Amino acid sequence: MADRMFELAQSMPGYLGFESVRGADGFGITVSYWTNEEAVNHWQQHAEHLNAQRLGREQWYEKFELRVCRVERAYGFER
């Protein structure tokens, strides 16, 4: 399902990318980036994504948190 959601998100207008990590204990975080809140709302309401959300609540996750944030600035350094 994760692979399908990745494919689907990439096809959505306003999708910019994502980052995801998961620890050995199973704790994970995924951040997806979108051009604006309208694009986020379209993704949230897509039928296949709604089904994945339902399955997550019913079968996969004991706990789930979602945060919608605006990135005002991002920068880094890599040698």
N, C-alpha and C. Protein backbone atom coordinates (compact mmCIF):
# COMPACT_ATOMS: atom_id res chain seq x y z
N MET A 1 0.83 -1.19 0.00
CA MET A 1 0.00 0.00 0.00
C MET A 1 0.87 1.25 0.00
N ALA A 2 1.98 1.21 0.75
CA ALA A 2 2.85 2.39 0.81
C ALA A 2 3.38 2.74 -0.58
N ASP A 3 3.76 1.72 -1.35
CA ASP A 3 4.25 1.98 -2.71
C ASP A 3 3.16 2.60 -3.58
N ARG A 4 1.94 2.10 -3.45
CA ARG A 4 0.83 2.65 -4.23
C ARG A 4 0.55 4.10 -3.84
N MET A 5 0.57 4.39 -2.53
CA MET A 5 0.33 5.76 -2.09
C MET A 5 1.42 6.69 -2.60
N PHE A 6 2.66 6.22 -2.65
CA PHE A 6 3.76 7.01 -3.20
C PHE A 6 3.50 7.31 -4.68
N GLU A 7 3.15 6.28 -5.47
CA GLU A 7 2.85 6.47 -6.88
C GLU A 7 1.69 7.45 -7.07
N LEU A 8 0.65 7.26 -6.29
CA LEU A 8 -0.54 8.10 -6.40
C LEU A 8 -0.22 9.55 -6.05
N ALA A 9 0.49 9.76 -4.95
CA ALA A 9 0.84 11.12 -4.54
C ALA A 9 1.64 11.82 -5.63
N GLN A 10 2.59 11.11 -6.23
CA GLN A 10 3.41 11.70 -7.29
C GLN A 10 2.58 12.17 -8.47
N SER A 11 1.44 11.56 -8.70
CA SER A 11 0.59 11.92 -9.83
C SER A 11 -0.35 13.09 -9.52
N MET A 12 -0.40 13.50 -8.27
CA MET A 12 -1.34 14.54 -7.86
C MET A 12 -0.79 15.93 -8.15
N PRO A 13 -1.65 16.84 -8.62
CA PRO A 13 -1.21 18.22 -8.81
C PRO A 13 -0.73 18.82 -7.49
N GLY A 14 0.39 19.51 -7.53
CA GLY A 14 0.90 20.19 -6.35
C GLY A 14 1.87 19.37 -5.52
N TYR A 15 2.09 18.09 -5.87
CA TYR A 15 3.02 17.25 -5.12
C TYR A 15 4.45 17.70 -5.40
N LEU A 16 5.24 17.84 -4.33
CA LEU A 16 6.64 18.27 -4.47
C LEU A 16 7.64 17.18 -4.09
N GLY A 17 7.28 16.28 -3.17
CA GLY A 17 8.19 15.23 -2.75
C GLY A 17 7.87 14.74 -1.36
N PHE A 18 8.70 13.81 -0.87
CA PHE A 18 8.50 13.30 0.49
C PHE A 18 9.82 12.79 1.05
N GLU A 19 9.84 12.64 2.37
CA GLU A 19 10.95 12.05 3.10
C GLU A 19 10.34 11.10 4.12
N SER A 20 10.99 9.94 4.33
CA SER A 20 10.43 8.96 5.25
C SER A 20 11.55 8.19 5.94
N VAL A 21 11.39 7.95 7.23
CA VAL A 21 12.33 7.13 8.01
C VAL A 21 11.54 6.25 8.97
N ARG A 22 12.13 5.10 9.32
CA ARG A 22 11.51 4.20 10.28
C ARG A 22 12.60 3.56 11.10
N GLY A 23 12.43 3.56 12.43
CA GLY A 23 13.40 2.98 13.33
C GLY A 23 13.21 1.48 13.48
N ALA A 24 14.18 0.83 14.08
CA ALA A 24 14.12 -0.62 14.32
C ALA A 24 12.92 -0.99 15.19
N ASP A 25 12.46 -0.05 16.03
CA ASP A 25 11.31 -0.31 16.90
C ASP A 25 9.98 -0.14 16.18
N GLY A 26 10.03 0.23 14.90
CA GLY A 26 8.80 0.40 14.13
C GLY A 26 8.29 1.82 14.07
N PHE A 27 8.83 2.70 14.93
CA PHE A 27 8.40 4.10 14.91
C PHE A 27 8.87 4.73 13.60
N GLY A 28 7.98 5.45 12.94
CA GLY A 28 8.35 6.07 11.68
C GLY A 28 7.73 7.43 11.52
N ILE A 29 8.29 8.18 10.59
CA ILE A 29 7.76 9.49 10.24
C ILE A 29 7.90 9.67 8.74
N THR A 30 6.86 10.18 8.14
CA THR A 30 6.87 10.51 6.72
C THR A 30 6.40 11.95 6.58
N VAL A 31 7.14 12.71 5.82
CA VAL A 31 6.80 14.11 5.55
C VAL A 31 6.57 14.23 4.05
N SER A 32 5.41 14.73 3.66
CA SER A 32 5.17 14.99 2.24
C SER A 32 5.07 16.49 2.04
N TYR A 33 5.51 16.93 0.89
CA TYR A 33 5.57 18.35 0.57
C TYR A 33 4.65 18.66 -0.61
N TRP A 34 3.90 19.74 -0.45
CA TRP A 34 2.90 20.15 -1.44
C TRP A 34 3.02 21.65 -1.68
N THR A 35 2.55 22.10 -2.83
CA THR A 35 2.67 23.52 -3.18
C THR A 35 1.79 24.42 -2.33
N ASN A 36 0.62 23.91 -1.93
CA ASN A 36 -0.30 24.75 -1.16
C ASN A 36 -1.33 23.88 -0.45
N GLU A 37 -2.14 24.50 0.38
CA GLU A 37 -3.12 23.78 1.17
C GLU A 37 -4.20 23.13 0.31
N GLU A 38 -4.52 23.74 -0.80
CA GLU A 38 -5.51 23.15 -1.71
C GLU A 38 -5.02 21.79 -2.21
N ALA A 39 -3.74 21.70 -2.57
CA ALA A 39 -3.17 20.43 -3.03
C ALA A 39 -3.20 19.40 -1.91
N VAL A 40 -2.90 19.81 -0.69
CA VAL A 40 -2.96 18.91 0.47
C VAL A 40 -4.38 18.38 0.63
N ASN A 41 -5.36 19.26 0.53
CA ASN A 41 -6.76 18.85 0.70
C ASN A 41 -7.20 17.87 -0.38
N HIS A 42 -6.76 18.09 -1.62
CA HIS A 42 -7.10 17.14 -2.69
C HIS A 42 -6.50 15.76 -2.41
N TRP A 43 -5.26 15.74 -1.93
CA TRP A 43 -4.61 14.47 -1.59
C TRP A 43 -5.37 13.79 -0.45
N GLN A 44 -5.70 14.54 0.56
CA GLN A 44 -6.38 13.99 1.73
C GLN A 44 -7.71 13.35 1.35
N GLN A 45 -8.39 13.90 0.35
CA GLN A 45 -9.73 13.44 -0.01
C GLN A 45 -9.76 12.45 -1.17
N HIS A 46 -8.60 12.09 -1.73
CA HIS A 46 -8.58 11.13 -2.83
C HIS A 46 -9.10 9.78 -2.35
N ALA A 47 -9.94 9.12 -3.14
CA ALA A 47 -10.62 7.89 -2.72
C ALA A 47 -9.65 6.80 -2.28
N GLU A 48 -8.58 6.58 -3.04
CA GLU A 48 -7.62 5.53 -2.66
C GLU A 48 -6.89 5.89 -1.38
N HIS A 49 -6.59 7.16 -1.21
CA HIS A 49 -5.92 7.60 0.01
C HIS A 49 -6.86 7.47 1.21
N LEU A 50 -8.13 7.80 1.02
CA LEU A 50 -9.11 7.62 2.09
C LEU A 50 -9.20 6.15 2.50
N ASN A 51 -9.14 5.24 1.53
CA ASN A 51 -9.16 3.81 1.84
C ASN A 51 -7.92 3.40 2.63
N ALA A 52 -6.76 3.90 2.24
CA ALA A 52 -5.52 3.61 2.97
C ALA A 52 -5.60 4.15 4.40
N GLN A 53 -6.17 5.34 4.57
CA GLN A 53 -6.34 5.90 5.91
C GLN A 53 -7.23 5.00 6.76
N ARG A 54 -8.31 4.52 6.17
CA ARG A 54 -9.24 3.64 6.89
C ARG A 54 -8.53 2.35 7.31
N LEU A 55 -7.79 1.74 6.38
CA LEU A 55 -7.06 0.51 6.70
C LEU A 55 -6.02 0.75 7.78
N GLY A 56 -5.38 1.90 7.73
CA GLY A 56 -4.40 2.23 8.76
C GLY A 56 -5.02 2.26 10.14
N ARG A 57 -6.19 2.88 10.24
CA ARG A 57 -6.88 2.95 11.54
C ARG A 57 -7.37 1.58 11.99
N GLU A 58 -7.86 0.78 11.04
CA GLU A 58 -8.46 -0.51 11.39
C GLU A 58 -7.44 -1.62 11.59
N GLN A 59 -6.33 -1.59 10.83
CA GLN A 59 -5.46 -2.77 10.80
C GLN A 59 -3.98 -2.51 11.13
N TRP A 60 -3.42 -1.39 10.71
CA TRP A 60 -1.97 -1.26 10.74
C TRP A 60 -1.41 -0.51 11.93
N TYR A 61 -2.11 0.51 12.40
CA TYR A 61 -1.52 1.40 13.39
C TYR A 61 -2.24 1.34 14.73
N GLU A 62 -1.45 1.39 15.79
CA GLU A 62 -1.99 1.54 17.13
C GLU A 62 -2.19 3.02 17.43
N LYS A 63 -1.36 3.85 16.83
CA LYS A 63 -1.39 5.29 17.06
C LYS A 63 -0.98 5.99 15.77
N PHE A 64 -1.58 7.13 15.53
CA PHE A 64 -1.28 7.89 14.32
C PHE A 64 -1.43 9.36 14.64
N GLU A 65 -0.49 10.17 14.20
CA GLU A 65 -0.59 11.61 14.35
C GLU A 65 -0.31 12.27 13.01
N LEU A 66 -1.03 13.32 12.73
CA LEU A 66 -0.85 14.07 11.49
C LEU A 66 -0.65 15.54 11.84
N ARG A 67 0.32 16.14 11.20
CA ARG A 67 0.56 17.57 11.36
C ARG A 67 0.62 18.20 9.99
N VAL A 68 -0.08 19.30 9.81
CA VAL A 68 0.00 20.06 8.58
C VAL A 68 0.77 21.33 8.91
N CYS A 69 1.89 21.52 8.25
CA CYS A 69 2.79 22.63 8.57
C CYS A 69 3.18 23.36 7.30
N ARG A 70 3.58 24.58 7.47
CA ARG A 70 4.08 25.38 6.36
C ARG A 70 5.58 25.57 6.56
N VAL A 71 6.36 25.24 5.54
CA VAL A 71 7.80 25.45 5.59
C VAL A 71 8.07 26.85 5.05
N GLU A 72 8.55 27.70 5.90
CA GLU A 72 8.86 29.07 5.50
C GLU A 72 10.26 29.18 4.91
N ARG A 73 11.15 28.35 5.42
CA ARG A 73 12.53 28.40 4.95
C ARG A 73 13.17 27.06 5.26
N ALA A 74 14.01 26.57 4.37
CA ALA A 74 14.76 25.33 4.60
C ALA A 74 16.13 25.48 3.98
N TYR A 75 17.14 25.07 4.70
CA TYR A 75 18.49 25.11 4.16
C TYR A 75 19.33 24.07 4.88
N GLY A 76 20.48 23.76 4.32
CA GLY A 76 21.33 22.75 4.92
C GLY A 76 22.75 22.86 4.41
N PHE A 77 23.54 21.89 4.81
CA PHE A 77 24.94 21.84 4.41
C PHE A 77 25.32 20.38 4.26
N GLU A 78 26.05 20.06 3.25
CA GLU A 78 26.57 18.71 3.06
C GLU A 78 27.95 18.80 2.46
N ARG A 79 28.91 18.17 3.10
CA ARG A 79 30.28 18.18 2.59
C ARG A 79 30.43 17.06 1.59
